[in-house]
Protein backbone atom coordinates (compact mmCIF):
# COMPACT_ATOMS: atom_id res chain seq x y z
CA MET A 1 16.41 12.99 -7.71
CA ILE A 2 16.40 16.66 -8.76
CA LEU A 3 13.19 18.65 -9.14
CA GLY A 4 13.49 22.24 -10.32
CA PHE A 5 11.15 25.22 -10.27
CA SER A 6 11.99 28.79 -11.36
CA ARG A 7 15.76 27.98 -11.44
CA HIS A 8 15.40 26.79 -7.85
CA ILE A 9 16.23 23.09 -7.33
CA TYR A 10 15.39 20.42 -4.80
CA ILE A 11 17.91 17.56 -4.58
CA GLU A 12 17.63 14.26 -2.70
CA LEU A 13 19.80 11.15 -2.85
CA VAL A 14 18.23 7.69 -2.46
CA ASP A 15 19.81 4.24 -2.32
CA ARG A 16 17.12 2.67 -4.55
CA CYS A 17 15.09 4.47 -7.21
CA THR A 18 11.84 2.62 -6.63
CA LEU A 19 8.48 4.13 -7.48
CA THR A 20 7.83 4.58 -3.75
CA SER A 21 11.06 6.52 -3.15
CA PHE A 22 10.49 8.49 -6.36
CA MET A 23 7.05 9.66 -5.21
CA ASP A 24 8.35 10.37 -1.70
CA CYS A 25 11.02 12.66 -3.19
CA HIS A 26 8.24 14.56 -4.98
CA LYS A 27 6.37 14.99 -1.70
CA HIS A 28 9.52 16.31 -0.01
CA ALA A 29 10.18 18.68 -2.93
CA PHE A 30 6.63 20.06 -2.84
CA GLY A 31 7.07 20.76 0.86
CA PHE A 32 10.43 22.41 0.19
CA PHE A 33 8.97 24.68 -2.51
CA GLY A 34 5.82 25.34 -0.47
CA GLY A 35 3.52 24.36 -3.33
CA ILE A 36 3.07 22.33 -6.51
CA PRO A 37 3.98 23.31 -10.10
CA ALA A 38 1.22 23.02 -12.69
CA ASP A 39 3.39 20.95 -15.11
CA ILE A 40 6.49 18.81 -14.51
CA LEU A 41 8.73 17.73 -17.38
CA TYR A 42 10.27 14.25 -17.22
CA ASP A 43 12.76 12.22 -19.14
CA ASN A 44 11.21 8.94 -20.31
CA MET A 45 12.02 7.05 -17.11
CA LYS A 46 10.06 3.88 -16.30
CA ASN A 47 8.74 5.25 -13.01
CA VAL A 48 6.80 7.80 -15.06
CA VAL A 49 6.51 6.68 -18.70
CA ILE A 50 5.58 3.16 -19.79
CA LYS A 51 5.51 3.92 -23.52
CA ASN A 52 6.16 7.00 -25.67
CA LEU A 53 5.53 6.44 -29.37
CA ILE A 54 4.97 9.25 -31.86
CA GLY A 55 3.53 11.58 -29.25
CA ARG A 56 1.26 8.94 -27.69
CA VAL A 57 2.40 8.63 -24.11
CA GLU A 58 1.34 5.88 -21.71
CA PHE A 59 2.09 6.93 -18.15
CA ASN A 60 2.58 4.65 -15.15
CA LYS A 61 -0.91 4.22 -13.65
CA THR A 62 0.22 4.59 -10.05
CA PHE A 63 2.19 7.73 -10.86
CA THR A 64 -0.80 9.10 -12.79
CA ASP A 65 -2.92 8.63 -9.67
CA PHE A 66 -0.20 10.38 -7.66
CA ALA A 67 -0.20 13.31 -10.13
CA LEU A 68 -3.99 13.60 -9.95
CA HIS A 69 -3.83 13.68 -6.14
CA TYR A 70 -1.34 16.58 -6.23
CA ALA A 71 -3.04 18.26 -9.21
CA PHE A 72 -0.06 18.55 -11.55
CA LYS A 73 0.37 17.44 -15.16
CA PRO A 74 3.28 15.13 -15.99
CA VAL A 75 4.87 15.90 -19.36
CA ALA A 76 7.20 13.44 -21.11
CA CYS A 77 10.13 14.61 -23.23
CA PRO A 78 9.58 13.74 -26.90
CA PRO A 79 11.98 11.02 -28.07
CA TYR A 80 15.07 12.22 -29.97
CA SER A 81 14.58 15.84 -28.86
CA PRO A 82 17.85 17.04 -27.29
CA TRP A 83 16.51 20.55 -26.66
CA TYR A 84 14.05 19.03 -24.17
CA LYS A 85 16.64 16.62 -22.77
CA GLY A 86 18.97 19.50 -21.93
CA LYS A 87 16.37 21.12 -19.69
CA VAL A 88 16.15 17.94 -17.65
CA GLU A 89 19.89 17.23 -17.44
CA ARG A 90 21.24 20.76 -16.87
CA PRO A 91 20.63 20.76 -13.08
CA PHE A 92 22.56 17.47 -12.79
CA GLN A 93 25.55 19.06 -14.52
CA TYR A 94 25.40 22.03 -12.18
CA LEU A 95 25.22 19.75 -9.11
CA ARG A 96 28.10 17.59 -10.32
CA GLU A 97 30.43 20.49 -11.04
CA ARG A 98 29.57 22.82 -8.15
CA PHE A 99 28.88 20.41 -5.31
CA TRP A 100 29.74 16.80 -6.00
CA ARG A 101 33.22 17.26 -7.44
CA GLY A 102 35.62 17.00 -4.49
CA TYR A 103 32.88 16.17 -1.94
CA SER A 104 33.81 13.53 0.68
CA PHE A 105 30.88 11.11 0.85
CA ILE A 106 30.17 9.46 4.23
CA ASN A 107 26.57 8.24 3.93
CA ILE A 108 23.32 9.22 2.24
CA HIS A 109 21.86 10.86 5.35
CA GLN A 110 24.84 13.18 5.75
CA ALA A 111 25.04 13.84 2.02
CA ASN A 112 21.39 14.91 1.87
CA LYS A 113 21.93 17.19 4.85
CA ASP A 114 24.96 18.79 3.17
CA ILE A 115 23.12 19.14 -0.16
CA ARG A 116 20.21 20.90 1.52
CA GLN A 117 22.58 23.38 3.16
CA TRP A 118 24.46 23.93 -0.13
CA THR A 119 21.18 24.49 -1.99
CA ILE A 120 20.07 27.23 0.40
CA GLU A 121 23.45 28.92 0.92
CA VAL A 122 24.98 28.58 -2.56
CA ALA A 123 22.58 27.48 -5.31
CA MET A 124 19.78 29.87 -4.28
CA GLN A 125 22.18 32.81 -3.86
CA ARG A 126 23.74 32.62 -7.32
CA ILE A 127 22.97 35.03 -10.14
CA HIS A 128 21.34 32.98 -12.87
CA GLY A 129 22.96 33.25 -16.28
CA THR A 130 19.66 33.59 -18.17
CA THR A 131 17.52 35.80 -15.92
CA LYS A 132 20.46 37.82 -14.49
CA GLN A 133 18.64 37.69 -11.14
CA LYS A 134 19.40 36.06 -7.84
CA VAL A 135 17.63 32.70 -7.82
CA ALA A 136 16.13 33.28 -4.35
CA ASP A 137 14.61 36.62 -5.42
CA ARG A 138 13.18 35.17 -8.64
CA PHE A 139 11.72 32.23 -6.74
CA VAL A 140 9.83 34.54 -4.34
CA HIS A 141 8.10 36.10 -7.35
CA ASP A 142 7.43 32.88 -9.28
CA SER A 143 6.30 30.85 -6.25
CA GLN A 144 2.97 32.68 -6.38
CA ALA A 145 2.10 30.44 -9.35
CA LEU A 146 2.51 27.26 -7.28
CA GLY A 147 -0.63 25.28 -6.49
CA PRO A 148 -1.62 24.52 -2.88
CA LEU A 149 -0.58 21.35 -1.09
CA PRO A 150 -3.43 18.85 -0.50
CA GLN A 151 -4.77 18.41 3.02
CA ARG A 152 -3.99 14.69 2.95
CA PRO A 153 -0.64 13.38 1.66
CA TYR A 154 -0.64 10.58 -0.90
CA ASP A 155 0.02 7.10 0.50
CA THR A 156 3.16 5.98 -1.32
CA SER A 157 3.33 2.52 0.27
CA GLU A 158 3.81 -0.50 -1.96
CA LYS A 159 0.38 -2.14 -2.14
CA VAL A 160 -0.29 -5.84 -2.79
CA TYR A 161 -3.32 -8.08 -2.26
CA ARG A 162 -3.06 -11.52 -0.70
CA LYS A 163 -5.52 -14.30 0.16
CA VAL A 164 -5.52 -15.57 3.75
CA TYR A 165 -4.79 -19.30 3.88
CA LYS A 166 -6.55 -21.85 6.12
CA ASP A 167 -3.76 -21.56 8.67
CA CYS A 168 -4.49 -17.80 9.09
CA VAL A 169 -1.35 -16.85 7.17
CA VAL A 170 -0.54 -14.52 4.27
CA SER A 171 2.71 -14.72 2.32
CA PHE A 172 4.80 -11.80 1.12
CA ASP A 173 8.39 -11.66 -0.12
CA ALA A 174 9.11 -15.25 1.05
CA ASN A 175 7.92 -14.57 4.62
CA ARG A 176 4.62 -15.54 6.29
CA TYR A 177 2.48 -13.32 8.51
CA VAL A 178 -0.43 -14.36 10.76
CA VAL A 179 -3.77 -12.50 10.69
CA PRO A 180 -7.02 -13.02 12.70
CA HIS A 181 -8.74 -16.32 11.89
CA LYS A 182 -12.06 -14.73 10.86
CA TYR A 183 -10.38 -13.47 7.67
CA VAL A 184 -9.49 -16.95 6.37
CA ASN A 185 -10.21 -17.23 2.60
CA LYS A 186 -10.63 -13.44 2.32
CA GLN A 187 -8.52 -10.94 0.42
CA VAL A 188 -6.44 -8.54 2.51
CA LEU A 189 -4.35 -5.54 1.47
CA LEU A 190 -0.68 -5.31 2.43
CA LYS A 191 0.89 -1.83 2.56
CA VAL A 192 4.67 -2.09 2.66
CA LYS A 193 6.99 0.81 3.41
CA GLY A 194 10.01 1.62 5.55
CA GLY A 195 10.61 -1.97 6.65
CA VAL A 196 7.04 -2.32 7.95
CA VAL A 197 4.05 -4.21 6.55
CA ARG A 198 0.53 -3.08 7.50
CA ILE A 199 -2.30 -5.52 6.77
CA TYR A 200 -5.82 -4.22 6.07
CA HIS A 201 -9.21 -5.68 5.34
CA ASP A 202 -11.17 -2.94 3.59
CA ASP A 203 -10.44 0.11 5.79
CA GLU A 204 -9.75 -1.92 8.94
CA LEU A 205 -6.12 -2.15 10.04
CA LEU A 206 -5.64 -5.74 11.24
CA VAL A 207 -2.00 -5.79 12.32
CA VAL A 208 1.37 -4.11 11.83
CA TYR A 209 4.55 -6.20 11.50
CA ARG A 210 8.18 -5.19 11.10
CA ILE A 211 9.69 -7.01 8.13
CA PRO A 212 12.41 -9.41 9.36
CA GLN A 213 15.84 -9.90 7.90
CA GLY A 214 16.19 -12.76 5.44
CA LYS A 215 13.59 -15.09 3.99
CA GLY A 216 11.48 -17.99 5.25
CA ASN A 217 10.43 -16.28 8.50
CA PHE A 218 7.14 -16.94 10.30
CA ILE A 219 5.84 -13.84 12.09
CA ALA A 220 2.86 -14.18 14.42
CA GLU A 221 0.88 -12.08 16.86
CA PRO A 222 0.15 -14.39 19.87
CA ARG A 223 -3.25 -12.83 20.53
CA PHE A 224 -4.56 -14.09 17.19
CA TYR A 225 -4.01 -17.74 18.13
CA GLU A 226 -5.46 -17.10 21.59
CA ALA A 227 -8.62 -15.73 19.92
CA LEU A 228 -8.78 -18.76 17.62
CA LYS A 229 -8.43 -21.14 20.58
CA ALA A 230 -11.17 -19.32 22.53
CA ASP A 231 -13.46 -19.40 19.49
CA ARG A 232 -12.97 -23.15 19.04
CA GLU A 233 -13.65 -23.75 22.75
CA GLN A 234 -16.89 -21.79 22.47
CA VAL A 235 -17.99 -23.86 19.46
CA ARG A 236 -17.11 -27.08 21.28
CA ARG A 237 -19.21 -26.13 24.32
CA LYS A 238 -22.12 -25.05 22.14
CA TYR A 239 -22.37 -28.23 20.11
CA GLN A 240 -21.08 -30.86 22.54
CA SER A 241 -23.77 -33.45 23.41
CA PRO A 242 -24.78 -34.00 27.09
CA PRO A 243 -23.39 -37.10 28.83
CA GLY A 244 -25.08 -40.32 27.72
CA LYS A 245 -26.59 -38.88 24.55
CA GLY A 246 -25.52 -40.39 21.24
CA LYS A 247 -24.88 -38.41 18.10
CA ALA A 248 -28.01 -39.81 16.41
CA THR A 249 -30.31 -38.30 19.09
CA ARG A 250 -28.85 -34.76 19.11
CA GLY A 251 -31.50 -32.10 18.63
CA LEU A 252 -34.43 -34.52 19.25
CA VAL A 253 -35.09 -33.59 22.87
CA SER A 254 -38.70 -32.46 23.31
CA ASN A 255 -40.70 -31.91 26.52
CA GLY A 256 -37.95 -33.48 28.58
CA LEU A 257 -37.86 -36.64 26.45
CA ARG A 258 -35.41 -37.66 23.79
CA TYR A 259 -38.20 -38.03 21.24
CA GLU A 260 -42.00 -37.86 21.00
CA THR A 261 -43.99 -40.89 22.22
CA VAL A 262 -45.37 -42.74 19.18
CA GLU A 263 -48.41 -45.04 19.37
CA ARG A 264 -47.63 -48.61 18.36
CA ARG A 265 -49.96 -50.27 15.81
CA ASP A 266 -50.12 -53.72 14.28
CA LEU A 267 -48.95 -53.93 10.66
CA SER A 268 -52.39 -55.25 9.63
CA CYS A 269 -53.80 -51.76 10.28
CA TYR A 270 -51.73 -50.37 7.43
CA GLU A 271 -53.09 -53.05 5.07
CA ILE A 272 -56.66 -52.01 6.02
CA LEU A 273 -55.81 -48.33 5.50
CA ALA A 274 -54.47 -49.12 2.06
CA GLY A 275 -57.89 -50.58 1.22
CA GLY A 276 -59.74 -47.42 2.35
CA ALA A 277 -61.17 -48.81 5.64
CA ILE A 278 -60.72 -47.35 9.13
CA CYS A 279 -58.46 -49.11 11.57
CA ARG A 280 -59.55 -49.17 15.20
CA ASN A 281 -57.65 -50.69 18.10
């Protein structure tokens, strides 16, 4: 990804251009510039633009939320407008011709390190063809227009909701993860990033798991099953009947007896009562 401001460019290579990595690159660029531009112009890439028809632009909702958090306005290039397209693609041409051509690639980590050094030592020191000024000097002047960085960075984790099954398990990406049993049948939030899944209920962090290699794995935290076992034992002790007491007599103990003493009457008394008379023994 390349993000430019005042002829100054931030460059970062990624192995997958997911929305998460795309937003992370923005965060790194804002830190590199020391602030946030008011507007950022984009080609009509799917990470930013869902639909662009006759000037009516539908932006990706997650990226819109990201832009609101950092207080910048995303602007989409109008379709079939090469004069806009050139502004977006020109830094890529400069990178390809001045850095990438003849570069010996080893890995992404080393390449990003070399690009950062080249940006500071070469790209920022050049005399720009349009302004006729050194890029570093022009950036010092223009950087005063940058907006401040927010106090709290945006959480760029992939976020998905899952229901907890009866066996205290949630499923994600063909693997199963155990959560505390008291959250069975509830919705939990999974935040996935950097090979780690964090499971939340509302604002409560329940557990953190490292995502295993492959599919079909069952990942459990032993303490959750120990808590479930202890809870079941407590319920068993609470509701277990004393020795010698049948299920039908549970809860009928009163004054030390299994049930209240009831006076026995002859059935003829009830026939008298039905007629309105008083029955006396």
